[in-house]
Amino acid sequence: MRNMLVRGRDTDAGHILENLVYLELKRRYREVYVGQIGSTGEIDFVAIEDGDPIYFQVAQSTLDEGVLMRELAPLRQINDNYPKYLLTLDRIFDDVNYEGIRKKNVLQWMLEECE
């Protein structure tokens, strides 16, 4: 059914990855939302833990500088000190801190215990 609806695309790994992250967030946290920044920006997911937000962006890869900047931009617009994560399938540069935004390999993150 999915292949019939998404013709001409052999894979849709980015969306599948987002779905997997969403399911894991729902397992870990009671509340999970899509975040909105103003009228145009969006954070993939905002999880609420003890009343405090945790922000998540999900990308298949951010090894391309343009993609990295695009994925970091919404997180950089948030002016608070709550945790912010960029989850990717990247195996190199997979544990980097971009001014408080932690990039992590999504597979390693999924294997971690809830923090």
PDB file of N, CA and C in Angstrom:
ATOM      1  N   MET A   1       0.824  -1.180   0.000  1.00  0.00           N
ATOM      2  CA  MET A   1       0.000   0.000   0.000  1.00  0.00           C
ATOM      3  C   MET A   1       0.881   1.261   0.000  1.00  0.00           C
ATOM      4  N   ARG A   2       1.881   1.285   0.880  1.00  0.00           N
ATOM      5  CA  ARG A   2       2.765   2.452   0.968  1.00  0.00           C
ATOM      6  C   ARG A   2       3.493   2.674  -0.346  1.00  0.00           C
ATOM      7  N   ASN A   3       4.024   1.600  -0.928  1.00  0.00           N
ATOM      8  CA  ASN A   3       4.760   1.724  -2.186  1.00  0.00           C
ATOM      9  C   ASN A   3       3.860   2.234  -3.315  1.00  0.00           C
ATOM     10  N   MET A   4       2.575   1.889  -3.261  1.00  0.00           N
ATOM     11  CA  MET A   4       1.642   2.354  -4.261  1.00  0.00           C
ATOM     12  C   MET A   4       1.420   3.865  -4.116  1.00  0.00           C
ATOM     13  N   LEU A   5       1.364   4.345  -2.882  1.00  0.00           N
ATOM     14  CA  LEU A   5       1.132   5.765  -2.634  1.00  0.00           C
ATOM     15  C   LEU A   5       2.373   6.610  -2.893  1.00  0.00           C
ATOM     16  N   VAL A   6       3.554   6.050  -2.680  1.00  0.00           N
ATOM     17  CA  VAL A   6       4.808   6.783  -2.832  1.00  0.00           C
ATOM     18  C   VAL A   6       5.531   6.236  -4.055  1.00  0.00           C
ATOM     19  N   ARG A   7       4.968   6.468  -5.206  1.00  0.00           N
ATOM     20  CA  ARG A   7       5.535   5.939  -6.451  1.00  0.00           C
ATOM     21  C   ARG A   7       6.870   6.580  -6.773  1.00  0.00           C
ATOM     22  N   GLY A   8       7.749   5.773  -7.337  1.00  0.00           N
ATOM     23  CA  GLY A   8       9.018   6.283  -7.803  1.00  0.00           C
ATOM     24  C   GLY A   8      10.056   6.489  -6.709  1.00  0.00           C
ATOM     25  N   ARG A   9       9.736   6.140  -5.504  1.00  0.00           N
ATOM     26  CA  ARG A   9      10.698   6.296  -4.407  1.00  0.00           C
ATOM     27  C   ARG A   9      10.959   4.913  -3.823  1.00  0.00           C
ATOM     28  N   ASP A  10      12.187   4.481  -3.978  1.00  0.00           N
ATOM     29  CA  ASP A  10      12.540   3.176  -3.443  1.00  0.00           C
ATOM     30  C   ASP A  10      12.640   3.211  -1.926  1.00  0.00           C
ATOM     31  N   THR A  11      13.049   4.362  -1.413  1.00  0.00           N
ATOM     32  CA  THR A  11      13.225   4.466   0.022  1.00  0.00           C
ATOM     33  C   THR A  11      12.801   5.844   0.490  1.00  0.00           C
ATOM     34  N   ASP A  12      12.326   5.905   1.689  1.00  0.00           N
ATOM     35  CA  ASP A  12      11.941   7.156   2.312  1.00  0.00           C
ATOM     36  C   ASP A  12      12.516   7.119   3.722  1.00  0.00           C
ATOM     37  N   ALA A  13      13.824   6.911   3.791  1.00  0.00           N
ATOM     38  CA  ALA A  13      14.490   6.652   5.068  1.00  0.00           C
ATOM     39  C   ALA A  13      14.333   7.789   6.063  1.00  0.00           C
ATOM     40  N   GLY A  14      14.327   9.039   5.602  1.00  0.00           N
ATOM     41  CA  GLY A  14      14.193  10.162   6.522  1.00  0.00           C
ATOM     42  C   GLY A  14      12.885  10.130   7.285  1.00  0.00           C
ATOM     43  N   HIS A  15      11.789   9.880   6.592  1.00  0.00           N
ATOM     44  CA  HIS A  15      10.491   9.819   7.256  1.00  0.00           C
ATOM     45  C   HIS A  15      10.355   8.578   8.135  1.00  0.00           C
ATOM     46  N   ILE A  16      10.906   7.498   7.677  1.00  0.00           N
ATOM     47  CA  ILE A  16      10.874   6.277   8.491  1.00  0.00           C
ATOM     48  C   ILE A  16      11.668   6.493   9.774  1.00  0.00           C
ATOM     49  N   LEU A  17      12.825   7.160   9.661  1.00  0.00           N
ATOM     50  CA  LEU A  17      13.637   7.461  10.834  1.00  0.00           C
ATOM     51  C   LEU A  17      12.879   8.354  11.807  1.00  0.00           C
ATOM     52  N   GLU A  18      12.195   9.369  11.296  1.00  0.00           N
ATOM     53  CA  GLU A  18      11.388  10.230  12.169  1.00  0.00           C
ATOM     54  C   GLU A  18      10.308   9.426  12.891  1.00  0.00           C
ATOM     55  N   ASN A  19       9.668   8.508  12.189  1.00  0.00           N
ATOM     56  CA  ASN A  19       8.643   7.672  12.823  1.00  0.00           C
ATOM     57  C   ASN A  19       9.232   6.817  13.934  1.00  0.00           C
ATOM     58  N   LEU A  20      10.415   6.250  13.699  1.00  0.00           N
ATOM     59  CA  LEU A  20      11.066   5.442  14.733  1.00  0.00           C
ATOM     60  C   LEU A  20      11.408   6.285  15.957  1.00  0.00           C
ATOM     61  N   VAL A  21      11.929   7.484  15.725  1.00  0.00           N
ATOM     62  CA  VAL A  21      12.260   8.373  16.848  1.00  0.00           C
ATOM     63  C   VAL A  21      10.986   8.745  17.606  1.00  0.00           C
ATOM     64  N   TYR A  22       9.916   9.046  16.886  1.00  0.00           N
ATOM     65  CA  TYR A  22       8.656   9.383  17.548  1.00  0.00           C
ATOM     66  C   TYR A  22       8.190   8.240  18.447  1.00  0.00           C
ATOM     67  N   LEU A  23       8.222   7.029  17.940  1.00  0.00           N
ATOM     68  CA  LEU A  23       7.784   5.875  18.740  1.00  0.00           C
ATOM     69  C   LEU A  23       8.655   5.688  19.976  1.00  0.00           C
ATOM     70  N   GLU A  24       9.961   5.898  19.827  1.00  0.00           N
ATOM     71  CA  GLU A  24      10.860   5.789  20.983  1.00  0.00           C
ATOM     72  C   GLU A  24      10.584   6.901  21.985  1.00  0.00           C
ATOM     73  N   LEU A  25      10.336   8.107  21.500  1.00  0.00           N
ATOM     74  CA  LEU A  25      10.001   9.212  22.408  1.00  0.00           C
ATOM     75  C   LEU A  25       8.706   8.924  23.157  1.00  0.00           C
ATOM     76  N   LYS A  26       7.719   8.378  22.473  1.00  0.00           N
ATOM     77  CA  LYS A  26       6.454   8.023  23.138  1.00  0.00           C
ATOM     78  C   LYS A  26       6.671   6.942  24.193  1.00  0.00           C
ATOM     79  N   ARG A  27       7.630   6.064  23.961  1.00  0.00           N
ATOM     80  CA  ARG A  27       7.940   5.033  24.948  1.00  0.00           C
ATOM     81  C   ARG A  27       8.599   5.655  26.184  1.00  0.00           C
ATOM     82  N   ARG A  28       9.460   6.658  25.952  1.00  0.00           N
ATOM     83  CA  ARG A  28      10.220   7.257  27.050  1.00  0.00           C
ATOM     84  C   ARG A  28       9.453   8.347  27.806  1.00  0.00           C
ATOM     85  N   TYR A  29       8.613   9.095  27.105  1.00  0.00           N
ATOM     86  CA  TYR A  29       7.976  10.270  27.697  1.00  0.00           C
ATOM     87  C   TYR A  29       6.465  10.201  27.524  1.00  0.00           C
ATOM     88  N   ARG A  30       5.770  10.743  28.475  1.00  0.00           N
ATOM     89  CA  ARG A  30       4.303  10.757  28.431  1.00  0.00           C
ATOM     90  C   ARG A  30       3.787  11.714  27.362  1.00  0.00           C
ATOM     91  N   GLU A  31       4.441  12.880  27.252  1.00  0.00           N
ATOM     92  CA  GLU A  31       3.980  13.892  26.301  1.00  0.00           C
ATOM     93  C   GLU A  31       5.040  14.118  25.222  1.00  0.00           C
ATOM     94  N   VAL A  32       4.615  14.038  23.955  1.00  0.00           N
ATOM     95  CA  VAL A  32       5.493  14.303  22.813  1.00  0.00           C
ATOM     96  C   VAL A  32       4.682  15.099  21.790  1.00  0.00           C
ATOM     97  N   TYR A  33       5.255  16.206  21.340  1.00  0.00           N
ATOM     98  CA  TYR A  33       4.572  17.091  20.400  1.00  0.00           C
ATOM     99  C   TYR A  33       5.488  17.440  19.242  1.00  0.00           C
ATOM    100  N   VAL A  34       4.887  17.961  18.165  1.00  0.00           N
ATOM    101  CA  VAL A  34       5.647  18.622  17.115  1.00  0.00           C
ATOM    102  C   VAL A  34       5.740  20.072  17.558  1.00  0.00           C
ATOM    103  N   GLY A  35       6.948  20.622  17.509  1.00  0.00           N
ATOM    104  CA  GLY A  35       7.148  21.992  17.982  1.00  0.00           C
ATOM    105  C   GLY A  35       6.972  23.004  16.876  1.00  0.00           C
ATOM    106  N   GLN A  36       6.449  24.164  17.226  1.00  0.00           N
ATOM    107  CA  GLN A  36       6.244  25.252  16.277  1.00  0.00           C
ATOM    108  C   GLN A  36       7.037  26.470  16.728  1.00  0.00           C
ATOM    109  N   ILE A  37       7.771  27.082  15.806  1.00  0.00           N
ATOM    110  CA  ILE A  37       8.515  28.309  16.080  1.00  0.00           C
ATOM    111  C   ILE A  37       7.944  29.389  15.178  1.00  0.00           C
ATOM    112  N   GLY A  38       7.239  30.327  15.755  1.00  0.00           N
ATOM    113  CA  GLY A  38       6.623  31.379  14.953  1.00  0.00           C
ATOM    114  C   GLY A  38       5.643  30.795  13.955  1.00  0.00           C
ATOM    115  N   SER A  39       5.590  31.389  12.776  1.00  0.00           N
ATOM    116  CA  SER A  39       4.636  30.910  11.772  1.00  0.00           C
ATOM    117  C   SER A  39       5.286  30.019  10.717  1.00  0.00           C
ATOM    118  N   THR A  40       6.626  29.939  10.726  1.00  0.00           N
ATOM    119  CA  THR A  40       7.280  29.180   9.660  1.00  0.00           C
ATOM    120  C   THR A  40       8.186  28.064  10.155  1.00  0.00           C
ATOM    121  N   GLY A  41       8.679  28.141  11.374  1.00  0.00           N
ATOM    122  CA  GLY A  41       9.648  27.158  11.844  1.00  0.00           C
ATOM    123  C   GLY A  41       9.003  25.982  12.554  1.00  0.00           C
ATOM    124  N   GLU A  42       9.711  24.872  12.526  1.00  0.00           N
ATOM    125  CA  GLU A  42       9.196  23.671  13.174  1.00  0.00           C
ATOM    126  C   GLU A  42      10.346  22.875  13.778  1.00  0.00           C
ATOM    127  N   ILE A  43      10.117  22.398  14.987  1.00  0.00           N
ATOM    128  CA  ILE A  43      11.012  21.449  15.641  1.00  0.00           C
ATOM    129  C   ILE A  43      10.364  20.091  15.453  1.00  0.00           C
ATOM    130  N   ASP A  44      11.136  19.083  15.070  1.00  0.00           N
ATOM    131  CA  ASP A  44      10.532  17.781  14.820  1.00  0.00           C
ATOM    132  C   ASP A  44       9.730  17.295  16.016  1.00  0.00           C
ATOM    133  N   PHE A  45      10.365  17.285  17.209  1.00  0.00           N
ATOM    134  CA  PHE A  45       9.658  16.787  18.381  1.00  0.00           C
ATOM    135  C   PHE A  45      10.055  17.557  19.630  1.00  0.00           C
ATOM    136  N   VAL A  46       9.073  17.742  20.507  1.00  0.00           N
ATOM    137  CA  VAL A  46       9.304  18.298  21.827  1.00  0.00           C
ATOM    138  C   VAL A  46       8.718  17.299  22.811  1.00  0.00           C
ATOM    139  N   ALA A  47       9.580  16.738  23.646  1.00  0.00           N
ATOM    140  CA  ALA A  47       9.126  15.820  24.697  1.00  0.00           C
ATOM    141  C   ALA A  47       9.085  16.608  26.002  1.00  0.00           C
ATOM    142  N   ILE A  48       8.143  16.275  26.856  1.00  0.00           N
ATOM    143  CA  ILE A  48       8.009  16.953  28.140  1.00  0.00           C
ATOM    144  C   ILE A  48       8.344  15.952  29.240  1.00  0.00           C
ATOM    145  N   GLU A  49       9.310  16.360  30.085  1.00  0.00           N
ATOM    146  CA  GLU A  49       9.706  15.526  31.221  1.00  0.00           C
ATOM    147  C   GLU A  49       9.680  16.397  32.481  1.00  0.00           C
ATOM    148  N   ASP A  50       8.860  16.019  33.438  1.00  0.00           N
ATOM    149  CA  ASP A  50       8.701  16.790  34.675  1.00  0.00           C
ATOM    150  C   ASP A  50       8.382  18.248  34.380  1.00  0.00           C
ATOM    151  N   GLY A  51       7.577  18.492  33.363  1.00  0.00           N
ATOM    152  CA  GLY A  51       7.159  19.838  33.014  1.00  0.00           C
ATOM    153  C   GLY A  51       8.146  20.616  32.167  1.00  0.00           C
ATOM    154  N   ASP A  52       9.316  20.062  31.891  1.00  0.00           N
ATOM    155  CA  ASP A  52      10.354  20.751  31.130  1.00  0.00           C
ATOM    156  C   ASP A  52      10.484  20.143  29.730  1.00  0.00           C
ATOM    157  N   PRO A  53      10.699  20.989  28.718  1.00  0.00           N
ATOM    158  CA  PRO A  53      10.828  20.480  27.346  1.00  0.00           C
ATOM    159  C   PRO A  53      12.219  19.930  27.050  1.00  0.00           C
ATOM    160  N   ILE A  54      12.251  18.969  26.140  1.00  0.00           N
ATOM    161  CA  ILE A  54      13.476  18.457  25.539  1.00  0.00           C
ATOM    162  C   ILE A  54      13.205  18.472  24.033  1.00  0.00           C
ATOM    163  N   TYR A  55      14.100  19.096  23.281  1.00  0.00           N
ATOM    164  CA  TYR A  55      13.878  19.319  21.854  1.00  0.00           C
ATOM    165  C   TYR A  55      14.682  18.325  21.013  1.00  0.00           C
ATOM    166  N   PHE A  56      14.055  17.854  19.918  1.00  0.00           N
ATOM    167  CA  PHE A  56      14.699  16.875  19.044  1.00  0.00           C
ATOM    168  C   PHE A  56      14.493  17.251  17.575  1.00  0.00           C
ATOM    169  N   GLN A  57      15.591  17.277  16.820  1.00  0.00           N
ATOM    170  CA  GLN A  57      15.561  17.342  15.366  1.00  0.00           C
ATOM    171  C   GLN A  57      16.085  16.008  14.876  1.00  0.00           C
ATOM    172  N   VAL A  58      15.522  15.507  13.787  1.00  0.00           N
ATOM    173  CA  VAL A  58      15.913  14.208  13.238  1.00  0.00           C
ATOM    174  C   VAL A  58      16.281  14.390  11.770  1.00  0.00           C
ATOM    175  N   ALA A  59      17.438  13.863  11.378  1.00  0.00           N
ATOM    176  CA  ALA A  59      17.866  13.919   9.983  1.00  0.00           C
ATOM    177  C   ALA A  59      18.625  12.639   9.653  1.00  0.00           C
ATOM    178  N   GLN A  60      18.466  12.170   8.438  1.00  0.00           N
ATOM    179  CA  GLN A  60      19.179  10.967   8.029  1.00  0.00           C
ATOM    180  C   GLN A  60      20.687  11.196   8.119  1.00  0.00           C
ATOM    181  N   SER A  61      21.146  12.343   7.619  1.00  0.00           N
ATOM    182  CA  SER A  61      22.562  12.680   7.682  1.00  0.00           C
ATOM    183  C   SER A  61      22.723  14.192   7.667  1.00  0.00           C
ATOM    184  N   THR A  62      23.749  14.659   8.367  1.00  0.00           N
ATOM    185  CA  THR A  62      24.070  16.090   8.333  1.00  0.00           C
ATOM    186  C   THR A  62      25.540  16.290   7.980  1.00  0.00           C
ATOM    187  N   LEU A  63      26.113  15.373   7.228  1.00  0.00           N
ATOM    188  CA  LEU A  63      27.505  15.513   6.812  1.00  0.00           C
ATOM    189  C   LEU A  63      27.662  16.637   5.790  1.00  0.00           C
ATOM    190  N   ASP A  64      26.616  16.939   5.039  1.00  0.00           N
ATOM    191  CA  ASP A  64      26.613  18.089   4.144  1.00  0.00           C
ATOM    192  C   ASP A  64      26.395  19.343   5.001  1.00  0.00           C
ATOM    193  N   GLU A  65      27.263  20.335   4.837  1.00  0.00           N
ATOM    194  CA  GLU A  65      27.219  21.547   5.659  1.00  0.00           C
ATOM    195  C   GLU A  65      25.870  22.270   5.565  1.00  0.00           C
ATOM    196  N   GLY A  66      25.296  22.305   4.371  1.00  0.00           N
ATOM    197  CA  GLY A  66      23.996  22.960   4.189  1.00  0.00           C
ATOM    198  C   GLY A  66      22.894  22.283   4.968  1.00  0.00           C
ATOM    199  N   VAL A  67      22.872  20.967   4.944  1.00  0.00           N
ATOM    200  CA  VAL A  67      21.873  20.207   5.692  1.00  0.00           C
ATOM    201  C   VAL A  67      22.069  20.410   7.192  1.00  0.00           C
ATOM    202  N   LEU A  68      23.323  20.395   7.629  1.00  0.00           N
ATOM    203  CA  LEU A  68      23.612  20.612   9.048  1.00  0.00           C
ATOM    204  C   LEU A  68      23.071  21.965   9.496  1.00  0.00           C
ATOM    205  N   MET A  69      23.346  23.020   8.750  1.00  0.00           N
ATOM    206  CA  MET A  69      22.875  24.357   9.118  1.00  0.00           C
ATOM    207  C   MET A  69      21.349  24.426   9.125  1.00  0.00           C
ATOM    208  N   ARG A  70      20.713  23.772   8.138  1.00  0.00           N
ATOM    209  CA  ARG A  70      19.245  23.757   8.076  1.00  0.00           C
ATOM    210  C   ARG A  70      18.643  23.065   9.288  1.00  0.00           C
ATOM    211  N   GLU A  71      19.251  21.960   9.722  1.00  0.00           N
ATOM    212  CA  GLU A  71      18.717  21.206  10.860  1.00  0.00           C
ATOM    213  C   GLU A  71      18.993  21.895  12.197  1.00  0.00           C
ATOM    214  N   LEU A  72      20.123  22.594  12.289  1.00  0.00           N
ATOM    215  CA  LEU A  72      20.443  23.309  13.529  1.00  0.00           C
ATOM    216  C   LEU A  72      19.634  24.591  13.691  1.00  0.00           C
ATOM    217  N   ALA A  73      19.230  25.208  12.585  1.00  0.00           N
ATOM    218  CA  ALA A  73      18.573  26.516  12.623  1.00  0.00           C
ATOM    219  C   ALA A  73      17.359  26.585  13.550  1.00  0.00           C
ATOM    220  N   PRO A  74      16.414  25.653  13.479  1.00  0.00           N
ATOM    221  CA  PRO A  74      15.255  25.766  14.375  1.00  0.00           C
ATOM    222  C   PRO A  74      15.641  25.633  15.849  1.00  0.00           C
ATOM    223  N   LEU A  75      16.603  24.763  16.140  1.00  0.00           N
ATOM    224  CA  LEU A  75      17.026  24.590  17.525  1.00  0.00           C
ATOM    225  C   LEU A  75      17.726  25.844  18.043  1.00  0.00           C
ATOM    226  N   ARG A  76      18.454  26.519  17.171  1.00  0.00           N
ATOM    227  CA  ARG A  76      19.152  27.742  17.569  1.00  0.00           C
ATOM    228  C   ARG A  76      18.184  28.899  17.835  1.00  0.00           C
ATOM    229  N   GLN A  77      16.986  28.820  17.300  1.00  0.00           N
ATOM    230  CA  GLN A  77      15.992  29.866  17.519  1.00  0.00           C
ATOM    231  C   GLN A  77      15.364  29.790  18.907  1.00  0.00           C
ATOM    232  N   ILE A  78      15.553  28.682  19.583  1.00  0.00           N
ATOM    233  CA  ILE A  78      14.957  28.501  20.911  1.00  0.00           C
ATOM    234  C   ILE A  78      15.908  29.082  21.946  1.00  0.00           C
ATOM    235  N   ASN A  79      15.453  30.080  22.644  1.00  0.00           N
ATOM    236  CA  ASN A  79      16.299  30.783  23.609  1.00  0.00           C
ATOM    237  C   ASN A  79      16.016  30.319  25.033  1.00  0.00           C
ATOM    238  N   ASP A  80      16.269  29.083  25.305  1.00  0.00           N
ATOM    239  CA  ASP A  80      16.211  28.576  26.669  1.00  0.00           C
ATOM    240  C   ASP A  80      17.350  27.596  26.874  1.00  0.00           C
ATOM    241  N   ASN A  81      17.491  27.100  28.068  1.00  0.00           N
ATOM    242  CA  ASN A  81      18.616  26.214  28.370  1.00  0.00           C
ATOM    243  C   ASN A  81      18.204  24.752  28.532  1.00  0.00           C
ATOM    244  N   TYR A  82      17.081  24.373  27.959  1.00  0.00           N
ATOM    245  CA  TYR A  82      16.659  22.980  28.025  1.00  0.00           C
ATOM    246  C   TYR A  82      17.411  22.165  26.971  1.00  0.00           C
ATOM    247  N   PRO A  83      17.504  20.854  27.169  1.00  0.00           N
ATOM    248  CA  PRO A  83      18.283  20.017  26.246  1.00  0.00           C
ATOM    249  C   PRO A  83      17.758  20.056  24.808  1.00  0.00           C
ATOM    250  N   LYS A  84      18.707  20.090  23.883  1.00  0.00           N
ATOM    251  CA  LYS A  84      18.394  20.092  22.457  1.00  0.00           C
ATOM    252  C   LYS A  84      19.273  19.042  21.781  1.00  0.00           C
ATOM    253  N   TYR A  85      18.634  18.185  20.978  1.00  0.00           N
ATOM    254  CA  TYR A  85      19.350  17.096  20.325  1.00  0.00           C
ATOM    255  C   TYR A  85      19.109  17.098  18.825  1.00  0.00           C
ATOM    256  N   LEU A  86      20.149  16.778  18.083  1.00  0.00           N
ATOM    257  CA  LEU A  86      20.075  16.515  16.654  1.00  0.00           C
ATOM    258  C   LEU A  86      20.445  15.045  16.478  1.00  0.00           C
ATOM    259  N   LEU A  87      19.478  14.231  16.079  1.00  0.00           N
ATOM    260  CA  LEU A  87      19.681  12.791  15.947  1.00  0.00           C
ATOM    261  C   LEU A  87      19.838  12.435  14.471  1.00  0.00           C
ATOM    262  N   THR A  88      20.932  11.737  14.131  1.00  0.00           N
ATOM    263  CA  THR A  88      21.200  11.359  12.744  1.00  0.00           C
ATOM    264  C   THR A  88      21.721   9.925  12.683  1.00  0.00           C
ATOM    265  N   LEU A  89      21.824   9.423  11.479  1.00  0.00           N
ATOM    266  CA  LEU A  89      22.434   8.107  11.268  1.00  0.00           C
ATOM    267  C   LEU A  89      23.939   8.213  11.047  1.00  0.00           C
ATOM    268  N   ASP A  90      24.476   9.424  11.104  1.00  0.00           N
ATOM    269  CA  ASP A  90      25.908   9.615  10.871  1.00  0.00           C
ATOM    270  C   ASP A  90      26.732   8.815  11.875  1.00  0.00           C
ATOM    271  N   ARG A  91      27.795   8.188  11.369  1.00  0.00           N
ATOM    272  CA  ARG A  91      28.704   7.426  12.228  1.00  0.00           C
ATOM    273  C   ARG A  91      29.966   8.219  12.531  1.00  0.00           C
ATOM    274  N   ILE A  92      30.267   9.221  11.699  1.00  0.00           N
ATOM    275  CA  ILE A  92      31.384  10.109  12.004  1.00  0.00           C
ATOM    276  C   ILE A  92      30.786  11.444  12.440  1.00  0.00           C
ATOM    277  N   PHE A  93      31.483  12.136  13.277  1.00  0.00           N
ATOM    278  CA  PHE A  93      30.950  13.356  13.892  1.00  0.00           C
ATOM    279  C   PHE A  93      29.597  13.064  14.530  1.00  0.00           C
ATOM    280  N   ASP A  94      29.516  11.906  15.207  1.00  0.00           N
ATOM    281  CA  ASP A  94      28.225  11.474  15.737  1.00  0.00           C
ATOM    282  C   ASP A  94      27.992  11.879  17.190  1.00  0.00           C
ATOM    283  N   ASP A  95      28.960  12.477  17.839  1.00  0.00           N
ATOM    284  CA  ASP A  95      28.753  12.962  19.198  1.00  0.00           C
ATOM    285  C   ASP A  95      29.433  14.323  19.317  1.00  0.00           C
ATOM    286  N   VAL A  96      28.757  15.341  18.789  1.00  0.00           N
ATOM    287  CA  VAL A  96      29.306  16.687  18.706  1.00  0.00           C
ATOM    288  C   VAL A  96      28.365  17.635  19.435  1.00  0.00           C
ATOM    289  N   ASN A  97      28.928  18.693  20.013  1.00  0.00           N
ATOM    290  CA  ASN A  97      28.131  19.707  20.687  1.00  0.00           C
ATOM    291  C   ASN A  97      28.245  21.009  19.890  1.00  0.00           C
ATOM    292  N   TYR A  98      27.125  21.469  19.351  1.00  0.00           N
ATOM    293  CA  TYR A  98      27.067  22.718  18.600  1.00  0.00           C
ATOM    294  C   TYR A  98      26.416  23.783  19.484  1.00  0.00           C
ATOM    295  N   GLU A  99      27.228  24.440  20.303  1.00  0.00           N
ATOM    296  CA  GLU A  99      26.748  25.510  21.176  1.00  0.00           C
ATOM    297  C   GLU A  99      25.536  25.076  21.988  1.00  0.00           C
ATOM    298  N   GLY A 100      25.633  23.915  22.601  1.00  0.00           N
ATOM    299  CA  GLY A 100      24.554  23.416  23.447  1.00  0.00           C
ATOM    300  C   GLY A 100      23.597  22.460  22.771  1.00  0.00           C
ATOM    301  N   ILE A 101      23.714  22.288  21.468  1.00  0.00           N
ATOM    302  CA  ILE A 101      22.885  21.327  20.733  1.00  0.00           C
ATOM    303  C   ILE A 101      23.732  20.084  20.522  1.00  0.00           C
ATOM    304  N   ARG A 102      23.300  18.970  21.107  1.00  0.00           N
ATOM    305  CA  ARG A 102      24.087  17.736  21.016  1.00  0.00           C
ATOM    306  C   ARG A 102      23.649  16.912  19.818  1.00  0.00           C
ATOM    307  N   LYS A 103      24.603  16.666  18.928  1.00  0.00           N
ATOM    308  CA  LYS A 103      24.353  15.755  17.817  1.00  0.00           C
ATOM    309  C   LYS A 103      24.714  14.358  18.290  1.00  0.00           C
ATOM    310  N   LYS A 104      23.805  13.415  18.066  1.00  0.00           N
ATOM    311  CA  LYS A 104      24.038  12.034  18.482  1.00  0.00           C
ATOM    312  C   LYS A 104      23.620  11.080  17.372  1.00  0.00           C
ATOM    313  N   ASN A 105      24.275   9.951  17.322  1.00  0.00           N
ATOM    314  CA  ASN A 105      23.859   8.879  16.425  1.00  0.00           C
ATOM    315  C   ASN A 105      22.550   8.318  16.967  1.00  0.00           C
ATOM    316  N   VAL A 106      21.544   8.290  16.123  1.00  0.00           N
ATOM    317  CA  VAL A 106      20.211   7.895  16.570  1.00  0.00           C
ATOM    318  C   VAL A 106      20.176   6.450  17.074  1.00  0.00           C
ATOM    319  N   LEU A 107      20.970   5.572  16.479  1.00  0.00           N
ATOM    320  CA  LEU A 107      20.971   4.177  16.932  1.00  0.00           C
ATOM    321  C   LEU A 107      21.554   4.058  18.331  1.00  0.00           C
ATOM    322  N   GLN A 108      22.639   4.793  18.588  1.00  0.00           N
ATOM    323  CA  GLN A 108      23.209   4.797  19.935  1.00  0.00           C
ATOM    324  C   GLN A 108      22.225   5.411  20.933  1.00  0.00           C
ATOM    325  N   TRP A 109      21.575   6.495  20.527  1.00  0.00           N
ATOM    326  CA  TRP A 109      20.594   7.143  21.395  1.00  0.00           C
ATOM    327  C   TRP A 109      19.455   6.189  21.755  1.00  0.00           C
ATOM    328  N   MET A 110      19.002   5.402  20.785  1.00  0.00           N
ATOM    329  CA  MET A 110      17.900   4.474  21.038  1.00  0.00           C
ATOM    330  C   MET A 110      18.302   3.376  22.010  1.00  0.00           C
ATOM    331  N   LEU A 111      19.586   3.038  22.030  1.00  0.00           N
ATOM    332  CA  LEU A 111      20.062   1.998  22.937  1.00  0.00           C
ATOM    333  C   LEU A 111      20.314   2.500  24.357  1.00  0.00           C
ATOM    334  N   GLU A 112      20.404   3.807  24.528  1.00  0.00           N
ATOM    335  CA  GLU A 112      20.644   4.376  25.857  1.00  0.00           C
ATOM    336  C   GLU A 112      19.423   4.217  26.751  1.00  0.00           C
ATOM    337  N   GLU A 113      19.700   4.187  28.033  1.00  0.00           N
ATOM    338  CA  GLU A 113      18.601   4.239  28.993  1.00  0.00           C
ATOM    339  C   GLU A 113      18.057   5.650  29.015  1.00  0.00           C
ATOM    340  N   CYS A 114      16.859   5.805  29.453  1.00  0.00           N
ATOM    341  CA  CYS A 114      16.292   7.143  29.607  1.00  0.00           C
ATOM    342  C   CYS A 114      17.147   7.936  30.570  1.00  0.00           C
ATOM    343  N   GLU A 115      17.465   9.161  30.152  1.00  0.00           N
ATOM    344  CA  GLU A 115      18.306  10.011  30.991  1.00  0.00           C
ATOM    345  C   GLU A 115      17.502  10.689  32.069  1.00  0.00           C
TER     346      GLU A 115
END
